[in-house]
Amino acid sequence: MAKQDPLRLRAQDADGLTTVSSFLQDALILPKDIQFDKAARRFAMVANRFRWETQRGLFKPRPTRVKTFVRFDFVDSVHTRSFDPEDTIPLNLLSIAAAADTEVRLTFSNGPEIALICEAIDMTLDDVGPPWLANRAPRHSA
Protein backbone atom coordinates (compact mmCIF):
# COMPACT_ATOMS: atom_id res chain seq x y z
CA MET A 1 0.00 0.00 0.00
CA ALA A 2 1.50 3.32 -1.09
CA LYS A 3 2.19 5.87 1.62
CA GLN A 4 0.21 9.08 1.33
CA ASP A 5 0.14 12.07 3.61
CA PRO A 6 -2.93 12.34 5.82
CA LEU A 7 -5.73 14.42 4.36
CA ARG A 8 -6.33 17.77 6.11
CA LEU A 9 -9.14 19.97 4.80
CA ARG A 10 -11.08 23.01 5.94
CA ALA A 11 -14.44 24.34 4.73
CA GLN A 12 -15.79 27.80 5.49
CA ASP A 13 -18.63 28.09 2.98
CA ALA A 14 -21.13 26.00 1.00
CA ASP A 15 -18.65 25.27 -1.81
CA GLY A 16 -16.03 24.12 0.68
CA LEU A 17 -18.58 21.81 2.33
CA THR A 18 -19.34 20.26 -1.07
CA THR A 19 -15.65 19.53 -1.59
CA VAL A 20 -15.09 18.08 1.87
CA SER A 21 -18.33 16.09 1.61
CA SER A 22 -16.99 14.29 -1.47
CA PHE A 23 -14.08 12.99 0.61
CA LEU A 24 -16.42 11.88 3.41
CA GLN A 25 -18.99 10.07 1.26
CA ASP A 26 -19.52 6.55 2.60
CA ALA A 27 -17.69 7.24 5.86
CA LEU A 28 -18.83 4.87 8.59
CA ILE A 29 -19.60 6.48 11.94
CA LEU A 30 -20.78 4.95 15.18
CA PRO A 31 -23.46 7.09 16.85
CA LYS A 32 -21.42 7.07 20.10
CA ASP A 33 -18.59 8.76 18.16
CA ILE A 34 -20.75 11.82 17.44
CA GLN A 35 -20.63 14.51 20.14
CA PHE A 36 -21.87 18.07 20.63
CA ASP A 37 -20.09 20.19 23.26
CA LYS A 38 -22.62 22.99 23.77
CA ALA A 39 -20.31 25.04 26.03
CA ALA A 40 -17.48 24.96 23.47
CA ARG A 41 -19.97 25.30 20.57
CA ARG A 42 -18.25 22.35 18.89
CA PHE A 43 -19.76 19.38 17.05
CA ALA A 44 -17.33 16.54 16.38
CA MET A 45 -17.29 13.00 15.11
CA VAL A 46 -14.81 10.24 14.42
CA ALA A 47 -15.33 8.42 11.13
CA ASN A 48 -13.84 5.53 9.22
CA ARG A 49 -13.42 7.38 5.92
CA PHE A 50 -13.27 5.52 2.62
CA ARG A 51 -10.27 6.94 0.73
CA TRP A 52 -11.96 7.84 -2.57
CA GLU A 53 -8.91 9.88 -3.59
CA THR A 54 -6.93 6.65 -4.06
CA GLN A 55 -9.52 5.11 -6.41
CA ARG A 56 -8.66 7.08 -9.54
CA GLY A 57 -6.99 6.04 -12.73
CA LEU A 58 -6.83 2.82 -14.67
CA PHE A 59 -4.98 0.74 -12.06
CA LYS A 60 -6.76 1.27 -8.78
CA PRO A 61 -5.05 0.01 -5.62
CA ARG A 62 -6.92 -2.11 -3.11
CA PRO A 63 -9.54 0.01 -1.31
CA THR A 64 -8.59 1.54 2.02
CA ARG A 65 -10.15 3.39 4.92
CA VAL A 66 -8.62 5.76 7.45
CA LYS A 67 -9.71 7.09 10.84
CA THR A 68 -10.78 10.72 10.39
CA PHE A 69 -11.68 13.44 12.87
CA VAL A 70 -14.35 15.89 11.71
CA ARG A 71 -15.08 19.08 13.63
CA PHE A 72 -17.53 21.96 13.23
CA ASP A 73 -16.93 25.09 15.30
CA PHE A 74 -19.35 27.95 16.11
CA VAL A 75 -22.31 25.55 16.41
CA ASP A 76 -25.24 27.02 18.35
CA SER A 77 -27.55 23.99 18.30
CA VAL A 78 -27.95 20.49 16.89
CA HIS A 79 -31.19 18.90 15.71
CA THR A 80 -31.60 15.26 14.73
CA ARG A 81 -34.13 13.17 12.84
CA SER A 82 -34.27 9.35 13.03
CA PHE A 83 -31.00 9.36 14.97
CA ASP A 84 -30.46 7.10 18.00
CA PRO A 85 -27.24 7.95 19.88
CA GLU A 86 -27.43 4.54 21.63
CA ASP A 87 -27.48 2.54 18.39
CA THR A 88 -24.47 0.25 17.83
CA ILE A 89 -24.85 -0.02 14.05
CA PRO A 90 -22.54 2.33 12.10
CA LEU A 91 -24.12 5.14 10.14
CA ASN A 92 -23.13 5.56 6.48
CA LEU A 93 -22.60 9.25 5.68
CA LEU A 94 -24.02 10.25 2.31
CA SER A 95 -23.42 13.99 2.30
CA ILE A 96 -22.72 17.20 4.16
CA ALA A 97 -24.28 20.32 2.69
CA ALA A 98 -25.23 23.87 3.60
CA ALA A 99 -29.03 24.04 3.82
CA ALA A 100 -28.86 27.80 4.48
CA ASP A 101 -26.15 30.34 5.32
CA THR A 102 -26.01 29.13 8.90
CA GLU A 103 -27.38 25.58 8.66
CA VAL A 104 -25.39 22.47 7.79
CA ARG A 105 -27.07 19.12 7.16
CA LEU A 106 -25.45 15.72 7.53
CA THR A 107 -27.44 13.06 5.70
CA PHE A 108 -26.97 9.34 6.31
CA SER A 109 -28.27 6.32 4.39
CA ASN A 110 -31.59 4.89 5.61
CA GLY A 111 -32.90 8.24 6.84
CA PRO A 112 -31.01 9.73 9.79
CA GLU A 113 -30.14 13.42 9.53
CA ILE A 114 -28.32 15.88 11.72
CA ALA A 115 -28.81 19.64 11.31
CA LEU A 116 -26.25 22.03 12.76
CA ILE A 117 -27.32 25.62 13.34
CA CYS A 118 -24.10 27.63 13.17
CA GLU A 119 -22.94 31.19 13.61
CA ALA A 120 -20.67 30.54 10.62
CA ILE A 121 -19.55 27.50 8.63
CA ASP A 122 -16.20 26.33 9.98
CA MET A 123 -15.43 22.66 9.42
CA THR A 124 -12.16 20.73 9.55
CA LEU A 125 -11.31 17.19 8.48
CA ASP A 126 -8.11 15.55 9.74
CA ASP A 127 -7.03 11.98 9.00
CA VAL A 128 -5.50 10.42 12.10
CA GLY A 129 -3.52 7.22 11.94
CA PRO A 130 -2.52 4.99 9.07
CA PRO A 131 -4.95 3.69 6.45
CA TRP A 132 -5.98 0.03 6.45
CA LEU A 133 -7.28 -2.30 3.77
CA ALA A 134 -11.05 -2.28 3.33
CA ASN A 135 -13.02 -5.39 2.43
CA ARG A 136 -14.41 -3.66 -0.66
CA ALA A 137 -15.22 -0.28 -2.16
CA PRO A 138 -18.72 1.09 -1.47
CA ARG A 139 -21.18 0.56 -4.33
CA HIS A 140 -23.81 2.97 -5.53
CA SER A 141 -26.85 2.07 -7.59
CA ALA A 142 -27.44 4.14 -10.70
C-alpha atoms as a PDB file:
ATOM      1  CA  MET A   1       0.000   0.000   0.000  1.00  0.00           C
ATOM      2  CA  ALA A   2       1.496   3.318  -1.089  1.00  0.00           C
ATOM      3  CA  LYS A   3       2.188   5.868   1.621  1.00  0.00           C
ATOM      4  CA  GLN A   4       0.215   9.083   1.330  1.00  0.00           C
ATOM      5  CA  ASP A   5       0.143  12.071   3.611  1.00  0.00           C
ATOM      6  CA  PRO A   6      -2.935  12.341   5.824  1.00  0.00           C
ATOM      7  CA  LEU A   7      -5.727  14.424   4.360  1.00  0.00           C
ATOM      8  CA  ARG A   8      -6.329  17.769   6.111  1.00  0.00           C
ATOM      9  CA  LEU A   9      -9.138  19.969   4.796  1.00  0.00           C
ATOM     10  CA  ARG A  10     -11.082  23.010   5.939  1.00  0.00           C
ATOM     11  CA  ALA A  11     -14.443  24.335   4.729  1.00  0.00           C
ATOM     12  CA  GLN A  12     -15.785  27.803   5.491  1.00  0.00           C
ATOM     13  CA  ASP A  13     -18.631  28.091   2.978  1.00  0.00           C
ATOM     14  CA  ALA A  14     -21.129  25.997   1.001  1.00  0.00           C
ATOM     15  CA  ASP A  15     -18.650  25.275  -1.809  1.00  0.00           C
ATOM     16  CA  GLY A  16     -16.035  24.121   0.684  1.00  0.00           C
ATOM     17  CA  LEU A  17     -18.582  21.807   2.327  1.00  0.00           C
ATOM     18  CA  THR A  18     -19.336  20.256  -1.065  1.00  0.00           C
ATOM     19  CA  THR A  19     -15.650  19.531  -1.595  1.00  0.00           C
ATOM     20  CA  VAL A  20     -15.086  18.078   1.871  1.00  0.00           C
ATOM     21  CA  SER A  21     -18.327  16.090   1.612  1.00  0.00           C
ATOM     22  CA  SER A  22     -16.992  14.294  -1.474  1.00  0.00           C
ATOM     23  CA  PHE A  23     -14.075  12.988   0.609  1.00  0.00           C
ATOM     24  CA  LEU A  24     -16.420  11.880   3.406  1.00  0.00           C
ATOM     25  CA  GLN A  25     -18.993  10.075   1.258  1.00  0.00           C
ATOM     26  CA  ASP A  26     -19.522   6.552   2.601  1.00  0.00           C
ATOM     27  CA  ALA A  27     -17.688   7.239   5.863  1.00  0.00           C
ATOM     28  CA  LEU A  28     -18.834   4.865   8.594  1.00  0.00           C
ATOM     29  CA  ILE A  29     -19.596   6.485  11.945  1.00  0.00           C
ATOM     30  CA  LEU A  30     -20.780   4.946  15.182  1.00  0.00           C
ATOM     31  CA  PRO A  31     -23.463   7.093  16.851  1.00  0.00           C
ATOM     32  CA  LYS A  32     -21.419   7.066  20.098  1.00  0.00           C
ATOM     33  CA  ASP A  33     -18.588   8.761  18.163  1.00  0.00           C
ATOM     34  CA  ILE A  34     -20.746  11.816  17.445  1.00  0.00           C
ATOM     35  CA  GLN A  35     -20.629  14.514  20.135  1.00  0.00           C
ATOM     36  CA  PHE A  36     -21.867  18.068  20.634  1.00  0.00           C
ATOM     37  CA  ASP A  37     -20.094  20.192  23.257  1.00  0.00           C
ATOM     38  CA  LYS A  38     -22.618  22.989  23.766  1.00  0.00           C
ATOM     39  CA  ALA A  39     -20.313  25.044  26.026  1.00  0.00           C
ATOM     40  CA  ALA A  40     -17.485  24.955  23.470  1.00  0.00           C
ATOM     41  CA  ARG A  41     -19.974  25.295  20.567  1.00  0.00           C
ATOM     42  CA  ARG A  42     -18.249  22.347  18.891  1.00  0.00           C
ATOM     43  CA  PHE A  43     -19.761  19.385  17.052  1.00  0.00           C
ATOM     44  CA  ALA A  44     -17.329  16.540  16.377  1.00  0.00           C
ATOM     45  CA  MET A  45     -17.294  13.000  15.109  1.00  0.00           C
ATOM     46  CA  VAL A  46     -14.810  10.242  14.419  1.00  0.00           C
ATOM     47  CA  ALA A  47     -15.333   8.422  11.128  1.00  0.00           C
ATOM     48  CA  ASN A  48     -13.836   5.534   9.220  1.00  0.00           C
ATOM     49  CA  ARG A  49     -13.421   7.381   5.924  1.00  0.00           C
ATOM     50  CA  PHE A  50     -13.266   5.522   2.622  1.00  0.00           C
ATOM     51  CA  ARG A  51     -10.273   6.940   0.734  1.00  0.00           C
ATOM     52  CA  TRP A  52     -11.962   7.842  -2.574  1.00  0.00           C
ATOM     53  CA  GLU A  53      -8.910   9.879  -3.588  1.00  0.00           C
ATOM     54  CA  THR A  54      -6.928   6.646  -4.065  1.00  0.00           C
ATOM     55  CA  GLN A  55      -9.517   5.106  -6.407  1.00  0.00           C
ATOM     56  CA  ARG A  56      -8.664   7.081  -9.536  1.00  0.00           C
ATOM     57  CA  GLY A  57      -6.988   6.039 -12.733  1.00  0.00           C
ATOM     58  CA  LEU A  58      -6.830   2.818 -14.671  1.00  0.00           C
ATOM     59  CA  PHE A  59      -4.979   0.743 -12.064  1.00  0.00           C
ATOM     60  CA  LYS A  60      -6.761   1.274  -8.776  1.00  0.00           C
ATOM     61  CA  PRO A  61      -5.049   0.007  -5.617  1.00  0.00           C
ATOM     62  CA  ARG A  62      -6.923  -2.108  -3.112  1.00  0.00           C
ATOM     63  CA  PRO A  63      -9.542   0.005  -1.309  1.00  0.00           C
ATOM     64  CA  THR A  64      -8.587   1.536   2.018  1.00  0.00           C
ATOM     65  CA  ARG A  65     -10.146   3.393   4.920  1.00  0.00           C
ATOM     66  CA  VAL A  66      -8.622   5.757   7.450  1.00  0.00           C
ATOM     67  CA  LYS A  67      -9.710   7.087  10.841  1.00  0.00           C
ATOM     68  CA  THR A  68     -10.778  10.720  10.392  1.00  0.00           C
ATOM     69  CA  PHE A  69     -11.677  13.436  12.873  1.00  0.00           C
ATOM     70  CA  VAL A  70     -14.352  15.887  11.707  1.00  0.00           C
ATOM     71  CA  ARG A  71     -15.079  19.084  13.626  1.00  0.00           C
ATOM     72  CA  PHE A  72     -17.533  21.957  13.233  1.00  0.00           C
ATOM     73  CA  ASP A  73     -16.933  25.089  15.296  1.00  0.00           C
ATOM     74  CA  PHE A  74     -19.350  27.948  16.112  1.00  0.00           C
ATOM     75  CA  VAL A  75     -22.307  25.548  16.408  1.00  0.00           C
ATOM     76  CA  ASP A  76     -25.235  27.015  18.354  1.00  0.00           C
ATOM     77  CA  SER A  77     -27.552  23.986  18.296  1.00  0.00           C
ATOM     78  CA  VAL A  78     -27.948  20.492  16.890  1.00  0.00           C
ATOM     79  CA  HIS A  79     -31.190  18.897  15.708  1.00  0.00           C
ATOM     80  CA  THR A  80     -31.601  15.255  14.734  1.00  0.00           C
ATOM     81  CA  ARG A  81     -34.128  13.169  12.843  1.00  0.00           C
ATOM     82  CA  SER A  82     -34.265   9.351  13.027  1.00  0.00           C
ATOM     83  CA  PHE A  83     -31.002   9.358  14.975  1.00  0.00           C
ATOM     84  CA  ASP A  84     -30.456   7.097  17.998  1.00  0.00           C
ATOM     85  CA  PRO A  85     -27.242   7.946  19.884  1.00  0.00           C
ATOM     86  CA  GLU A  86     -27.425   4.543  21.629  1.00  0.00           C
ATOM     87  CA  ASP A  87     -27.476   2.542  18.387  1.00  0.00           C
ATOM     88  CA  THR A  88     -24.469   0.254  17.833  1.00  0.00           C
ATOM     89  CA  ILE A  89     -24.851  -0.016  14.046  1.00  0.00           C
ATOM     90  CA  PRO A  90     -22.541   2.335  12.103  1.00  0.00           C
ATOM     91  CA  LEU A  91     -24.120   5.143  10.136  1.00  0.00           C
ATOM     92  CA  ASN A  92     -23.132   5.556   6.484  1.00  0.00           C
ATOM     93  CA  LEU A  93     -22.597   9.245   5.681  1.00  0.00           C
ATOM     94  CA  LEU A  94     -24.015  10.247   2.307  1.00  0.00           C
ATOM     95  CA  SER A  95     -23.418  13.994   2.297  1.00  0.00           C
ATOM     96  CA  ILE A  96     -22.723  17.195   4.161  1.00  0.00           C
ATOM     97  CA  ALA A  97     -24.276  20.322   2.694  1.00  0.00           C
ATOM     98  CA  ALA A  98     -25.234  23.868   3.596  1.00  0.00           C
ATOM     99  CA  ALA A  99     -29.029  24.036   3.817  1.00  0.00           C
ATOM    100  CA  ALA A 100     -28.856  27.802   4.477  1.00  0.00           C
ATOM    101  CA  ASP A 101     -26.149  30.343   5.321  1.00  0.00           C
ATOM    102  CA  THR A 102     -26.014  29.131   8.903  1.00  0.00           C
ATOM    103  CA  GLU A 103     -27.383  25.578   8.662  1.00  0.00           C
ATOM    104  CA  VAL A 104     -25.391  22.475   7.792  1.00  0.00           C
ATOM    105  CA  ARG A 105     -27.075  19.117   7.160  1.00  0.00           C
ATOM    106  CA  LEU A 106     -25.451  15.720   7.530  1.00  0.00           C
ATOM    107  CA  THR A 107     -27.445  13.060   5.700  1.00  0.00           C
ATOM    108  CA  PHE A 108     -26.970   9.339   6.306  1.00  0.00           C
ATOM    109  CA  SER A 109     -28.274   6.324   4.389  1.00  0.00           C
ATOM    110  CA  ASN A 110     -31.588   4.893   5.612  1.00  0.00           C
ATOM    111  CA  GLY A 111     -32.896   8.240   6.842  1.00  0.00           C
ATOM    112  CA  PRO A 112     -31.007   9.731   9.791  1.00  0.00           C
ATOM    113  CA  GLU A 113     -30.144  13.422   9.527  1.00  0.00           C
ATOM    114  CA  ILE A 114     -28.319  15.883  11.717  1.00  0.00           C
ATOM    115  CA  ALA A 115     -28.812  19.636  11.308  1.00  0.00           C
ATOM    116  CA  LEU A 116     -26.253  22.028  12.756  1.00  0.00           C
ATOM    117  CA  ILE A 117     -27.316  25.621  13.342  1.00  0.00           C
ATOM    118  CA  CYS A 118     -24.100  27.629  13.168  1.00  0.00           C
ATOM    119  CA  GLU A 119     -22.937  31.188  13.609  1.00  0.00           C
ATOM    120  CA  ALA A 120     -20.666  30.537  10.617  1.00  0.00           C
ATOM    121  CA  ILE A 121     -19.549  27.495   8.629  1.00  0.00           C
ATOM    122  CA  ASP A 122     -16.200  26.328   9.977  1.00  0.00           C
ATOM    123  CA  MET A 123     -15.427  22.657   9.418  1.00  0.00           C
ATOM    124  CA  THR A 124     -12.164  20.735   9.545  1.00  0.00           C
ATOM    125  CA  LEU A 125     -11.312  17.187   8.476  1.00  0.00           C
ATOM    126  CA  ASP A 126      -8.114  15.546   9.741  1.00  0.00           C
ATOM    127  CA  ASP A 127      -7.030  11.983   9.005  1.00  0.00           C
ATOM    128  CA  VAL A 128      -5.504  10.421  12.105  1.00  0.00           C
ATOM    129  CA  GLY A 129      -3.523   7.222  11.945  1.00  0.00           C
ATOM    130  CA  PRO A 130      -2.522   4.994   9.071  1.00  0.00           C
ATOM    131  CA  PRO A 131      -4.953   3.686   6.447  1.00  0.00           C
ATOM    132  CA  TRP A 132      -5.983   0.030   6.453  1.00  0.00           C
ATOM    133  CA  LEU A 133      -7.285  -2.303   3.773  1.00  0.00           C
ATOM    134  CA  ALA A 134     -11.053  -2.276   3.333  1.00  0.00           C
ATOM    135  CA  ASN A 135     -13.021  -5.392   2.431  1.00  0.00           C
ATOM    136  CA  ARG A 136     -14.410  -3.661  -0.664  1.00  0.00           C
ATOM    137  CA  ALA A 137     -15.224  -0.280  -2.161  1.00  0.00           C
ATOM    138  CA  PRO A 138     -18.723   1.094  -1.472  1.00  0.00           C
ATOM    139  CA  ARG A 139     -21.182   0.557  -4.328  1.00  0.00           C
ATOM    140  CA  HIS A 140     -23.814   2.969  -5.528  1.00  0.00           C
ATOM    141  CA  SER A 141     -26.850   2.069  -7.595  1.00  0.00           C
ATOM    142  CA  ALA A 142     -27.437   4.142 -10.704  1.00  0.00           C
END
